[in-house]
Amino acid sequence: MEDCIFCKIASGELDTDLVYEDERVAAFADQNPQAPVHLLLIPKKHIPSMRKLEEKDYELVGHIYRTANQLAEEQGIAEDGFRVVTNCGDDGGQTVYHLHFHLLGGRRLQWPPG
């Protein structure tokens, strides 16, 4: 998608300090952090939202969760706890229509979140 900022990051078209990258996923710090650790994990494949996942994409989502767990360890937030969130649709708070997951931690997170 030529207008998608996350596709541009995933392809390397936009220079971003990645904290993680492999052939399917990229992760970087959120520009508007809501916690001391706030990373975004994005699939390199353009998927507009969770609602647009196809059967073949579910293994990719599992890979993203495995990566989030690894990054939580590396960021030092795994033991105390962290949150992984994906927003879906306008009312769900989605602002970029490229599937992405927020990894938040480093402080006590409140509930309910919104």
Protein backbone atom coordinates (compact mmCIF):
# COMPACT_ATOMS: atom_id res chain seq x y z
CA MET A 1 0.00 0.00 0.00
CA GLU A 2 1.76 3.14 -1.20
CA ASP A 3 0.14 5.51 1.33
CA CYS A 4 0.60 3.26 4.37
CA ILE A 5 3.20 4.62 6.80
CA PHE A 6 3.76 1.18 8.35
CA CYS A 7 4.35 -0.38 4.93
CA LYS A 8 6.96 2.32 4.30
CA ILE A 9 8.64 1.52 7.62
CA ALA A 10 8.51 -2.24 6.95
CA SER A 11 10.05 -1.84 3.50
CA GLY A 12 12.81 0.48 4.73
CA GLU A 13 11.47 3.41 2.69
CA LEU A 14 11.13 5.42 5.93
CA ASP A 15 14.15 5.44 8.19
CA THR A 16 13.10 4.19 11.63
CA ASP A 17 15.17 2.86 14.50
CA LEU A 18 13.99 -0.73 14.61
CA VAL A 19 14.39 -2.64 17.87
CA TYR A 20 13.62 -5.89 16.05
CA GLU A 21 13.31 -7.10 12.49
CA ASP A 22 13.01 -10.42 10.71
CA GLU A 23 11.58 -11.46 7.36
CA ARG A 24 7.96 -11.11 8.58
CA VAL A 25 7.90 -8.57 11.43
CA ALA A 26 9.37 -5.21 12.41
CA ALA A 27 9.22 -3.50 15.81
CA PHE A 28 10.00 0.06 16.85
CA ALA A 29 9.24 2.57 19.59
CA ASP A 30 5.85 4.31 19.50
CA GLN A 31 6.24 8.05 18.82
CA ASN A 32 3.55 8.82 21.41
CA PRO A 33 4.46 6.41 24.23
CA GLN A 34 1.83 5.59 26.85
CA ALA A 35 4.24 3.67 29.10
CA PRO A 36 7.99 3.61 29.74
CA VAL A 37 8.18 0.74 27.22
CA HIS A 38 5.82 1.20 24.29
CA LEU A 39 6.78 -0.66 21.15
CA LEU A 40 4.80 -1.27 17.98
CA LEU A 41 5.06 -4.64 16.26
CA ILE A 42 3.94 -4.72 12.64
CA PRO A 43 3.73 -7.47 10.07
CA LYS A 44 5.64 -6.62 6.91
CA LYS A 45 2.64 -7.87 4.97
CA HIS A 46 -0.06 -5.22 4.67
CA ILE A 47 -3.16 -6.34 6.54
CA PRO A 48 -5.55 -3.43 7.21
CA SER A 49 -6.86 -4.66 10.56
CA MET A 50 -7.56 -7.72 12.67
CA ARG A 51 -10.92 -7.98 10.90
CA LYS A 52 -9.11 -8.58 7.60
CA LEU A 53 -7.03 -11.54 8.76
CA GLU A 54 -7.24 -14.58 6.52
CA GLU A 55 -6.70 -18.17 7.60
CA LYS A 56 -3.15 -18.10 6.22
CA ASP A 57 -2.33 -15.08 8.46
CA TYR A 58 -2.92 -16.76 11.83
CA GLU A 59 0.55 -18.30 11.96
CA LEU A 60 1.96 -14.79 11.38
CA VAL A 61 -0.04 -13.48 14.36
CA GLY A 62 1.39 -16.28 16.51
CA HIS A 63 4.87 -15.24 15.37
CA ILE A 64 4.11 -11.64 16.37
CA TYR A 65 3.04 -12.76 19.86
CA ARG A 66 6.20 -14.86 20.19
CA THR A 67 8.22 -11.79 19.16
CA ALA A 68 6.34 -9.61 21.68
CA ASN A 69 7.23 -12.07 24.43
CA GLN A 70 10.89 -12.02 23.36
CA LEU A 71 10.93 -8.20 23.28
CA ALA A 72 9.29 -8.04 26.73
CA GLU A 73 12.19 -10.14 28.02
CA GLU A 74 14.77 -7.98 26.27
CA GLN A 75 13.15 -4.75 27.52
CA GLY A 76 13.12 -6.02 31.10
CA ILE A 77 9.34 -5.93 31.55
CA ALA A 78 8.48 -9.63 31.33
CA GLU A 79 8.74 -10.48 35.01
CA ASP A 80 6.64 -7.59 36.34
CA GLY A 81 4.08 -7.80 33.55
CA PHE A 82 3.14 -6.16 30.29
CA ARG A 83 0.24 -5.73 27.89
CA VAL A 84 -0.13 -6.51 24.19
CA VAL A 85 -2.96 -4.62 22.50
CA THR A 86 -4.32 -4.33 19.00
CA ASN A 87 -6.97 -1.75 18.20
CA CYS A 88 -9.58 -2.58 15.59
CA GLY A 89 -11.69 0.01 13.78
CA ASP A 90 -12.45 3.62 14.55
CA ASP A 91 -14.35 2.96 17.79
CA GLY A 92 -11.60 0.56 18.89
CA GLY A 93 -9.04 3.35 18.58
CA GLN A 94 -7.29 2.23 15.39
CA THR A 95 -5.62 5.22 13.72
CA VAL A 96 -3.28 3.47 11.27
CA TYR A 97 -4.99 0.90 9.09
CA HIS A 98 -2.14 -1.59 9.03
CA LEU A 99 -2.41 -4.36 11.62
CA HIS A 100 -0.13 -3.56 14.55
CA PHE A 101 0.33 -4.58 18.15
CA HIS A 102 1.29 -2.32 21.05
CA LEU A 103 3.68 -3.79 23.63
CA LEU A 104 3.32 -1.75 26.82
CA GLY A 105 5.08 -2.09 30.15
CA GLY A 106 7.44 -0.62 32.66
CA ARG A 107 4.70 0.68 34.96
CA ARG A 108 1.50 -0.61 36.54
CA LEU A 109 -1.14 -0.53 33.81
CA GLN A 110 -4.69 0.38 34.75
CA TRP A 111 -7.94 -1.40 33.95
CA PRO A 112 -10.20 -0.67 32.20
CA PRO A 113 -7.82 0.71 29.60
CA GLY A 114 -10.13 3.09 27.71
